[in-house]
C-alpha atoms as a PDB file:
ATOM      1  CA  MET A   1     391.867  82.447 -19.282  1.00  0.00           C
ATOM      2  CA  ALA A   2     388.670  80.567 -18.389  1.00  0.00           C
ATOM      3  CA  GLN A   3     388.983  77.233 -16.636  1.00  0.00           C
ATOM      4  CA  PRO A   4     387.260  74.215 -18.242  1.00  0.00           C
ATOM      5  CA  ALA A   5     384.056  73.109 -16.567  1.00  0.00           C
ATOM      6  CA  ARG A   6     384.547  70.382 -13.968  1.00  0.00           C
ATOM      7  CA  SER A   7     382.845  67.041 -14.349  1.00  0.00           C
ATOM      8  CA  ASP A   8     381.149  65.203 -11.496  1.00  0.00           C
ATOM      9  CA  SER A   9     382.800  61.998 -12.699  1.00  0.00           C
ATOM     10  CA  ALA A  10     385.807  60.485 -10.971  1.00  0.00           C
ATOM     11  CA  ALA A  11     389.036  62.433 -11.305  1.00  0.00           C
ATOM     12  CA  GLY A  12     390.516  62.055 -14.766  1.00  0.00           C
ATOM     13  CA  HIS A  13     387.785  59.785 -16.057  1.00  0.00           C
ATOM     14  CA  GLN A  14     385.561  60.509 -19.024  1.00  0.00           C
ATOM     15  CA  ARG A  15     381.944  59.469 -19.438  1.00  0.00           C
ATOM     16  CA  PHE A  16     380.877  57.218 -22.296  1.00  0.00           C
ATOM     17  CA  VAL A  17     377.561  55.876 -23.519  1.00  0.00           C
ATOM     18  CA  VAL A  18     377.171  52.304 -24.722  1.00  0.00           C
ATOM     19  CA  GLU A  19     374.461  52.023 -27.372  1.00  0.00           C
ATOM     20  CA  ARG A  20     372.528  48.778 -27.764  1.00  0.00           C
ATOM     21  CA  TYR A  21     369.837  48.086 -30.312  1.00  0.00           C
ATOM     22  CA  ALA A  22     368.516  44.550 -30.014  1.00  0.00           C
ATOM     23  CA  PRO A  23     365.314  42.812 -31.081  1.00  0.00           C
ATOM     24  CA  GLY A  24     363.516  41.636 -27.973  1.00  0.00           C
ATOM     25  CA  LEU A  25     365.474  43.921 -25.632  1.00  0.00           C
ATOM     26  CA  THR A  26     363.520  44.268 -22.389  1.00  0.00           C
ATOM     27  CA  LEU A  27     363.970  46.059 -19.091  1.00  0.00           C
ATOM     28  CA  GLU A  28     364.462  42.685 -17.415  1.00  0.00           C
ATOM     29  CA  ALA A  29     367.242  41.740 -19.848  1.00  0.00           C
ATOM     30  CA  VAL A  30     369.001  45.068 -19.315  1.00  0.00           C
ATOM     31  CA  SER A  31     368.754  44.585 -15.527  1.00  0.00           C
ATOM     32  CA  MET A  32     370.436  41.167 -15.800  1.00  0.00           C
ATOM     33  CA  ASP A  33     373.115  42.610 -18.104  1.00  0.00           C
ATOM     34  CA  GLU A  34     373.623  45.458 -15.635  1.00  0.00           C
ATOM     35  CA  ARG A  35     374.525  43.055 -12.820  1.00  0.00           C
ATOM     36  CA  ARG A  36     377.071  41.258 -15.013  1.00  0.00           C
ATOM     37  CA  VAL A  37     378.657  44.448 -16.342  1.00  0.00           C
ATOM     38  CA  ARG A  38     378.941  45.899 -12.808  1.00  0.00           C
ATOM     39  CA  ARG A  39     380.874  42.795 -11.747  1.00  0.00           C
ATOM     40  CA  ALA A  40     383.108  42.934 -14.838  1.00  0.00           C
ATOM     41  CA  ALA A  41     383.794  46.660 -14.320  1.00  0.00           C
ATOM     42  CA  ALA A  42     384.601  46.078 -10.637  1.00  0.00           C
ATOM     43  CA  ALA A  43     387.031  43.289 -11.544  1.00  0.00           C
ATOM     44  CA  MET A  44     388.740  45.494 -14.128  1.00  0.00           C
ATOM     45  CA  THR A  45     388.986  48.329 -11.599  1.00  0.00           C
ATOM     46  CA  ARG A  46     390.562  46.014  -8.999  1.00  0.00           C
ATOM     47  CA  ALA A  47     393.077  44.953 -11.675  1.00  0.00           C
ATOM     48  CA  GLY A  48     394.085  48.590 -12.245  1.00  0.00           C
ATOM     49  CA  ARG A  49     391.923  49.474 -15.256  1.00  0.00           C
ATOM     50  CA  PRO A  50     389.148  51.664 -13.775  1.00  0.00           C
ATOM     51  CA  VAL A  51     385.662  51.322 -15.246  1.00  0.00           C
ATOM     52  CA  ARG A  52     382.445  52.339 -13.482  1.00  0.00           C
ATOM     53  CA  TYR A  53     378.894  51.646 -14.607  1.00  0.00           C
ATOM     54  CA  VAL A  54     376.756  54.747 -13.893  1.00  0.00           C
ATOM     55  CA  GLY A  55     373.294  53.750 -15.138  1.00  0.00           C
ATOM     56  CA  SER A  56     371.085  53.117 -18.148  1.00  0.00           C
ATOM     57  CA  ILE A  57     368.179  54.543 -20.061  1.00  0.00           C
ATOM     58  CA  VAL A  58     365.973  51.855 -21.603  1.00  0.00           C
ATOM     59  CA  ILE A  59     363.515  52.568 -24.404  1.00  0.00           C
ATOM     60  CA  ALA A  60     361.692  49.240 -24.409  1.00  0.00           C
ATOM     61  CA  ALA A  61     359.303  50.199 -27.219  1.00  0.00           C
ATOM     62  CA  GLU A  62     362.343  50.831 -29.442  1.00  0.00           C
ATOM     63  CA  GLU A  63     364.318  47.812 -28.133  1.00  0.00           C
ATOM     64  CA  THR A  64     367.118  50.233 -27.253  1.00  0.00           C
ATOM     65  CA  ALA A  65     369.338  50.872 -24.242  1.00  0.00           C
ATOM     66  CA  PHE A  66     371.902  53.578 -23.560  1.00  0.00           C
ATOM     67  CA  SER A  67     374.256  52.787 -20.673  1.00  0.00           C
ATOM     68  CA  VAL A  68     376.604  55.350 -19.130  1.00  0.00           C
ATOM     69  CA  PHE A  69     380.087  54.464 -17.894  1.00  0.00           C
ATOM     70  CA  GLU A  70     383.125  56.290 -16.543  1.00  0.00           C
ATOM     71  CA  ALA A  71     386.580  55.170 -17.636  1.00  0.00           C
ATOM     72  CA  ASP A  72     389.880  56.404 -19.021  1.00  0.00           C
ATOM     73  CA  ASP A  73     388.987  55.366 -22.572  1.00  0.00           C
ATOM     74  CA  ALA A  74     386.260  53.858 -24.753  1.00  0.00           C
ATOM     75  CA  GLU A  75     388.139  50.589 -25.188  1.00  0.00           C
ATOM     76  CA  SER A  76     388.004  49.934 -21.424  1.00  0.00           C
ATOM     77  CA  VAL A  77     384.224  50.382 -21.495  1.00  0.00           C
ATOM     78  CA  ALA A  78     383.935  48.066 -24.501  1.00  0.00           C
ATOM     79  CA  GLU A  79     386.089  45.469 -22.751  1.00  0.00           C
ATOM     80  CA  ALA A  80     383.908  45.539 -19.617  1.00  0.00           C
ATOM     81  CA  ASN A  81     380.846  44.844 -21.777  1.00  0.00           C
ATOM     82  CA  ARG A  82     382.625  42.046 -23.653  1.00  0.00           C
ATOM     83  CA  ARG A  83     383.745  40.425 -20.382  1.00  0.00           C
ATOM     84  CA  ALA A  84     380.130  40.561 -19.180  1.00  0.00           C
ATOM     85  CA  SER A  85     378.922  39.054 -22.493  1.00  0.00           C
ATOM     86  CA  VAL A  86     376.768  42.128 -23.071  1.00  0.00           C
ATOM     87  CA  SER A  87     376.286  42.886 -26.752  1.00  0.00           C
ATOM     88  CA  PHE A  88     376.503  46.496 -27.903  1.00  0.00           C
ATOM     89  CA  ASP A  89     376.634  48.521 -31.080  1.00  0.00           C
ATOM     90  CA  ARG A  90     379.111  51.219 -30.125  1.00  0.00           C
ATOM     91  CA  VAL A  91     380.765  53.198 -27.332  1.00  0.00           C
ATOM     92  CA  VAL A  92     380.994  56.982 -27.661  1.00  0.00           C
ATOM     93  CA  PRO A  93     382.276  59.763 -25.402  1.00  0.00           C
ATOM     94  CA  ILE A  94     379.524  61.996 -24.069  1.00  0.00           C
ATOM     95  CA  VAL A  95     379.092  65.462 -22.646  1.00  0.00           C
ATOM     96  CA  GLU A  96     376.272  65.860 -20.163  1.00  0.00           C
ATOM     97  CA  LEU A  97     374.223  69.034 -20.102  1.00  0.00           C
ATOM     98  CA  ARG A  98     372.273  69.517 -16.880  1.00  0.00           C
ATOM     99  CA  GLU A  99     370.864  72.224 -14.706  1.00  0.00           C
ATOM    100  CA  PRO A 100     373.085  75.311 -15.158  1.00  0.00           C
ATOM    101  CA  GLU A 101     374.847  74.833 -11.815  1.00  0.00           C
ATOM    102  CA  ARG A 102     375.713  71.211 -12.724  1.00  0.00           C
ATOM    103  CA  SER A 103     376.352  71.556 -16.460  1.00  0.00           C
ATOM    104  CA  VAL A 104     379.419  69.809 -17.807  1.00  0.00           C
ATOM    105  CA  LEU A 105     380.911  71.130 -21.019  1.00  0.00           C
ATOM    106  CA  ALA A 106     383.975  69.486 -22.508  1.00  0.00           C
ATOM    107  CA  PRO A 107     384.824  70.984 -25.917  1.00  0.00           C
ATOM    108  CA  SER A 108     387.962  68.828 -26.116  1.00  0.00           C
ATOM    109  CA  LEU A 109     385.729  65.762 -26.584  1.00  0.00           C
ATOM    110  CA  ILE A 110     384.078  66.942 -29.764  1.00  0.00           C
ATOM    111  CA  GLY A 111     385.418  64.996 -32.711  1.00  0.00           C
ATOM    112  CA  ARG A 112     386.726  62.057 -30.671  1.00  0.00           C
ATOM    113  CA  ARG A 113     386.315  58.701 -32.337  1.00  0.00           C
ATOM    114  CA  HIS A 114     384.114  55.987 -30.909  1.00  0.00           C
ATOM    115  CA  VAL A 115     384.596  52.244 -30.604  1.00  0.00           C
ATOM    116  CA  ARG A 116     382.282  50.012 -32.618  1.00  0.00           C
ATOM    117  CA  ALA A 117     381.469  46.487 -31.613  1.00  0.00           C
ATOM    118  CA  ALA A 118     382.481  43.702 -33.944  1.00  0.00           C
ATOM    119  CA  VAL A 119     379.264  42.469 -35.518  1.00  0.00           C
ATOM    120  CA  PRO A 120     379.453  39.149 -37.358  1.00  0.00           C
ATOM    121  CA  GLY A 121     378.750  39.651 -41.046  1.00  0.00           C
ATOM    122  CA  LYS A 122     379.281  43.419 -40.931  1.00  0.00           C
ATOM    123  CA  GLU A 123     382.387  45.384 -41.751  1.00  0.00           C
ATOM    124  CA  ALA A 124     383.626  47.839 -39.116  1.00  0.00           C
ATOM    125  CA  SER A 125     383.459  51.484 -40.136  1.00  0.00           C
END
């Protein structure tokens, strides 16, 4: 039986992307948010709830940012962003596809639910 592909993330942790779509979103704003979310994630990790900020992709022309985290679950990632007062639209598990020798495939993740942020005036789906 074939072994599942290994991830380069910390043992037992899954990667998630935090999606943010915000009018006026700039690289500078994301950089400031990044510092706050790193501190919040570090505090959560010290308290026994591991969360690690990996990095972000910013599409300034689209006022969009995608931030990658490692954690045990999507709710931990959402909580780190809330503690940092960083608004977001949703948190979803991801599978990274890279160069063949570094590709990570995780079929068990397909179909997992994501966590949506509570948006005032909008119903959660």
